[in-house]
C-alpha atoms as a PDB file:
ATOM      1  CA  MET A   1     -74.924  54.366   7.013  1.00  0.00           C
ATOM      2  CA  THR A   2     -73.054  51.594   8.817  1.00  0.00           C
ATOM      3  CA  LYS A   3     -70.575  52.337  11.515  1.00  0.00           C
ATOM      4  CA  LYS A   4     -66.912  51.819  10.702  1.00  0.00           C
ATOM      5  CA  LYS A   5     -65.327  48.922  12.513  1.00  0.00           C
ATOM      6  CA  ASN A   6     -61.831  48.719  13.976  1.00  0.00           C
ATOM      7  CA  ALA A   7     -61.065  52.429  13.727  1.00  0.00           C
ATOM      8  CA  HIS A   8     -57.880  51.838  15.734  1.00  0.00           C
ATOM      9  CA  ASP A   9     -55.218  49.129  15.914  1.00  0.00           C
ATOM     10  CA  GLN A  10     -55.433  46.279  18.414  1.00  0.00           C
ATOM     11  CA  ASP A  11     -52.506  47.483  20.559  1.00  0.00           C
ATOM     12  CA  PHE A  12     -54.193  50.845  21.106  1.00  0.00           C
ATOM     13  CA  LEU A  13     -57.543  49.186  21.871  1.00  0.00           C
ATOM     14  CA  LYS A  14     -55.878  46.817  24.336  1.00  0.00           C
ATOM     15  CA  LYS A  15     -54.288  49.799  26.103  1.00  0.00           C
ATOM     16  CA  ILE A  16     -57.667  51.587  26.255  1.00  0.00           C
ATOM     17  CA  LYS A  17     -59.356  48.457  27.599  1.00  0.00           C
ATOM     18  CA  GLY A  18     -56.819  48.347  30.439  1.00  0.00           C
ATOM     19  CA  ILE A  19     -57.411  52.033  31.218  1.00  0.00           C
ATOM     20  CA  LEU A  20     -61.194  51.547  31.219  1.00  0.00           C
ATOM     21  CA  PHE A  21     -60.968  48.440  33.406  1.00  0.00           C
ATOM     22  CA  SER A  22     -58.792  50.298  35.946  1.00  0.00           C
ATOM     23  CA  GLU A  23     -61.201  53.231  35.921  1.00  0.00           C
ATOM     24  CA  LYS A  24     -64.170  50.909  36.457  1.00  0.00           C
ATOM     25  CA  GLU A  25     -62.455  49.322  39.479  1.00  0.00           C
ATOM     26  CA  ARG A  26     -61.596  52.751  40.909  1.00  0.00           C
ATOM     27  CA  LEU A  27     -65.167  54.020  40.530  1.00  0.00           C
ATOM     28  CA  GLU A  28     -66.662  50.892  42.077  1.00  0.00           C
ATOM     29  CA  LYS A  29     -64.273  51.172  45.052  1.00  0.00           C
ATOM     30  CA  GLU A  30     -65.161  54.851  45.521  1.00  0.00           C
ATOM     31  CA  LEU A  31     -68.874  54.072  45.409  1.00  0.00           C
ATOM     32  CA  ALA A  32     -68.454  51.182  47.865  1.00  0.00           C
ATOM     33  CA  LYS A  33     -67.095  53.618  50.476  1.00  0.00           C
ATOM     34  CA  PHE A  34     -70.449  55.321  51.016  1.00  0.00           C
ATOM     35  CA  THR A  35     -73.112  53.496  48.980  1.00  0.00           C
ATOM     36  CA  THR A  36     -74.721  50.112  48.588  1.00  0.00           C
ATOM     37  CA  LYS A  37     -75.549  48.533  45.243  1.00  0.00           C
ATOM     38  CA  ASN A  38     -79.210  48.761  44.354  1.00  0.00           C
ATOM     39  CA  LYS A  39     -80.399  45.173  43.829  1.00  0.00           C
ATOM     40  CA  HIS A  40     -83.126  46.346  41.467  1.00  0.00           C
ATOM     41  CA  GLY A  41     -81.033  48.440  39.085  1.00  0.00           C
ATOM     42  CA  ASP A  42     -77.853  47.447  37.306  1.00  0.00           C
ATOM     43  CA  GLY A  43     -75.180  50.077  37.847  1.00  0.00           C
ATOM     44  CA  ASP A  44     -77.338  51.899  40.369  1.00  0.00           C
ATOM     45  CA  TYR A  45     -76.080  52.687  43.849  1.00  0.00           C
ATOM     46  CA  ASP A  46     -77.745  54.224  46.877  1.00  0.00           C
ATOM     47  CA  ALA A  47     -75.919  56.524  49.260  1.00  0.00           C
ATOM     48  CA  THR A  48     -76.100  55.088  52.744  1.00  0.00           C
ATOM     49  CA  TYR A  49     -77.490  57.228  55.496  1.00  0.00           C
ATOM     50  CA  PRO A  50     -74.823  57.599  58.188  1.00  0.00           C
ATOM     51  CA  GLU A  51     -75.639  56.834  61.818  1.00  0.00           C
ATOM     52  CA  TYR A  52     -73.780  59.046  64.280  1.00  0.00           C
ATOM     53  CA  GLY A  53     -76.286  58.990  67.139  1.00  0.00           C
ATOM     54  CA  ASP A  54     -79.585  60.469  68.309  1.00  0.00           C
ATOM     55  CA  LYS A  55     -78.512  63.908  69.530  1.00  0.00           C
ATOM     56  CA  ASP A  56     -79.551  66.950  67.513  1.00  0.00           C
ATOM     57  CA  ASP A  57     -76.017  67.803  66.455  1.00  0.00           C
ATOM     58  CA  GLU A  58     -75.416  64.169  65.422  1.00  0.00           C
ATOM     59  CA  ASN A  59     -78.651  64.141  63.421  1.00  0.00           C
ATOM     60  CA  ALA A  60     -77.634  67.370  61.711  1.00  0.00           C
ATOM     61  CA  GLN A  61     -74.248  65.855  60.893  1.00  0.00           C
ATOM     62  CA  GLU A  62     -75.969  62.760  59.410  1.00  0.00           C
ATOM     63  CA  VAL A  63     -78.146  64.919  57.160  1.00  0.00           C
ATOM     64  CA  ALA A  64     -75.170  67.048  56.105  1.00  0.00           C
ATOM     65  CA  GLN A  65     -73.078  63.963  55.262  1.00  0.00           C
ATOM     66  CA  TYR A  66     -75.905  62.336  53.279  1.00  0.00           C
ATOM     67  CA  THR A  67     -76.575  65.607  51.449  1.00  0.00           C
ATOM     68  CA  ALA A  68     -72.883  65.841  50.518  1.00  0.00           C
ATOM     69  CA  ASN A  69     -72.708  62.193  49.408  1.00  0.00           C
ATOM     70  CA  LYS A  70     -75.783  62.188  47.140  1.00  0.00           C
ATOM     71  CA  PRO A  71     -74.357  64.427  44.355  1.00  0.00           C
ATOM     72  CA  LEU A  72     -71.064  62.513  44.545  1.00  0.00           C
ATOM     73  CA  GLU A  73     -72.971  59.239  44.150  1.00  0.00           C
ATOM     74  CA  ILE A  74     -74.760  60.615  41.058  1.00  0.00           C
ATOM     75  CA  ALA A  75     -71.512  61.859  39.477  1.00  0.00           C
ATOM     76  CA  LEU A  76     -69.647  58.591  40.108  1.00  0.00           C
ATOM     77  CA  GLU A  77     -72.578  56.563  38.757  1.00  0.00           C
ATOM     78  CA  LYS A  78     -72.554  58.627  35.556  1.00  0.00           C
ATOM     79  CA  GLU A  79     -68.808  58.102  35.151  1.00  0.00           C
ATOM     80  CA  LEU A  80     -69.266  54.367  35.711  1.00  0.00           C
ATOM     81  CA  ARG A  81     -72.074  54.229  33.112  1.00  0.00           C
ATOM     82  CA  ASP A  82     -69.802  56.004  30.613  1.00  0.00           C
ATOM     83  CA  VAL A  83     -66.994  53.510  31.302  1.00  0.00           C
ATOM     84  CA  ASN A  84     -69.376  50.553  30.920  1.00  0.00           C
ATOM     85  CA  LYS A  85     -70.743  51.942  27.627  1.00  0.00           C
ATOM     86  CA  SER A  86     -67.188  52.377  26.345  1.00  0.00           C
ATOM     87  CA  MET A  87     -66.347  48.810  27.316  1.00  0.00           C
ATOM     88  CA  GLU A  88     -69.469  47.624  25.444  1.00  0.00           C
ATOM     89  CA  ARG A  89     -68.371  49.589  22.362  1.00  0.00           C
ATOM     90  CA  LEU A  90     -64.967  47.879  22.610  1.00  0.00           C
ATOM     91  CA  ASP A  91     -66.665  44.474  22.720  1.00  0.00           C
ATOM     92  CA  THR A  92     -68.862  45.282  19.710  1.00  0.00           C
ATOM     93  CA  LYS A  93     -65.912  46.800  17.804  1.00  0.00           C
ATOM     94  CA  LYS A  94     -67.585  50.227  17.651  1.00  0.00           C
ATOM     95  CA  TYR A  95     -65.166  51.934  20.027  1.00  0.00           C
ATOM     96  CA  GLY A  96     -63.317  54.983  18.758  1.00  0.00           C
ATOM     97  CA  VAL A  97     -65.893  55.867  16.118  1.00  0.00           C
ATOM     98  CA  CYS A  98     -67.843  59.115  16.471  1.00  0.00           C
ATOM     99  CA  LYS A  99     -71.511  58.377  17.082  1.00  0.00           C
ATOM    100  CA  TYR A 100     -72.476  61.456  15.062  1.00  0.00           C
ATOM    101  CA  CYS A 101     -70.295  61.463  11.935  1.00  0.00           C
ATOM    102  CA  ASP A 102     -69.032  57.833  11.906  1.00  0.00           C
ATOM    103  CA  GLU A 103     -65.444  59.015  11.575  1.00  0.00           C
ATOM    104  CA  PRO A 104     -62.627  57.708  13.803  1.00  0.00           C
ATOM    105  CA  ILE A 105     -62.045  59.673  16.995  1.00  0.00           C
ATOM    106  CA  GLU A 106     -58.425  60.794  17.323  1.00  0.00           C
ATOM    107  CA  GLU A 107     -56.319  58.586  19.582  1.00  0.00           C
ATOM    108  CA  LYS A 108     -55.057  61.679  21.385  1.00  0.00           C
ATOM    109  CA  ARG A 109     -58.649  62.528  22.386  1.00  0.00           C
ATOM    110  CA  LEU A 110     -59.364  58.951  23.466  1.00  0.00           C
ATOM    111  CA  MET A 111     -56.238  58.863  25.607  1.00  0.00           C
ATOM    112  CA  ALA A 112     -57.315  62.109  27.289  1.00  0.00           C
ATOM    113  CA  ARG A 113     -60.943  60.979  27.656  1.00  0.00           C
ATOM    114  CA  PRO A 114     -61.302  57.228  27.035  1.00  0.00           C
ATOM    115  CA  THR A 115     -65.095  57.365  27.420  1.00  0.00           C
ATOM    116  CA  SER A 116     -65.546  59.855  24.595  1.00  0.00           C
ATOM    117  CA  GLY A 117     -68.121  58.869  21.987  1.00  0.00           C
ATOM    118  CA  ALA A 118     -67.734  61.942  19.792  1.00  0.00           C
ATOM    119  CA  CYS A 119     -64.910  63.469  17.810  1.00  0.00           C
ATOM    120  CA  VAL A 120     -63.712  66.972  18.710  1.00  0.00           C
ATOM    121  CA  SER A 121     -65.452  68.554  15.720  1.00  0.00           C
ATOM    122  CA  CYS A 122     -68.860  67.049  16.511  1.00  0.00           C
ATOM    123  CA  LYS A 123     -68.496  67.778  20.228  1.00  0.00           C
ATOM    124  CA  LYS A 124     -67.720  71.432  19.464  1.00  0.00           C
ATOM    125  CA  THR A 125     -70.771  71.618  17.204  1.00  0.00           C
ATOM    126  CA  LEU A 126     -72.969  70.047  19.884  1.00  0.00           C
ATOM    127  CA  THR A 127     -71.768  72.440  22.569  1.00  0.00           C
ATOM    128  CA  GLN A 128     -71.592  75.327  20.065  1.00  0.00           C
ATOM    129  CA  GLU A 129     -67.938  76.081  20.747  1.00  0.00           C
ATOM    130  CA  ALA A 130     -67.147  76.916  17.147  1.00  0.00           C
END
């Protein structure tokens, strides 16, 4: 079965592209605050280890800050990957089509969650929220 193309009109897709681009910029700025880009992995960032000093309490604070930043780094990276995948689907004209049933995803859902790759029905089935 081939995927449907152009499930939505160009004005809607242009609006979504702007939303995704803004979200990508926001995520990259957030990541830049406490990470460095990994030169060996596209879209991969590494939380920087803070340097507060050599005293025990400063070392403990460094570990605590790094420990707090690592899960945030992982979450932001995942969001950024989702945004990049959505932008790729826009470029290949596959955006807005459910990857499970090949039906168009409702615009209301895409406006609420622009990175969605599944329609509400398929998502409910996958998460067993019948």
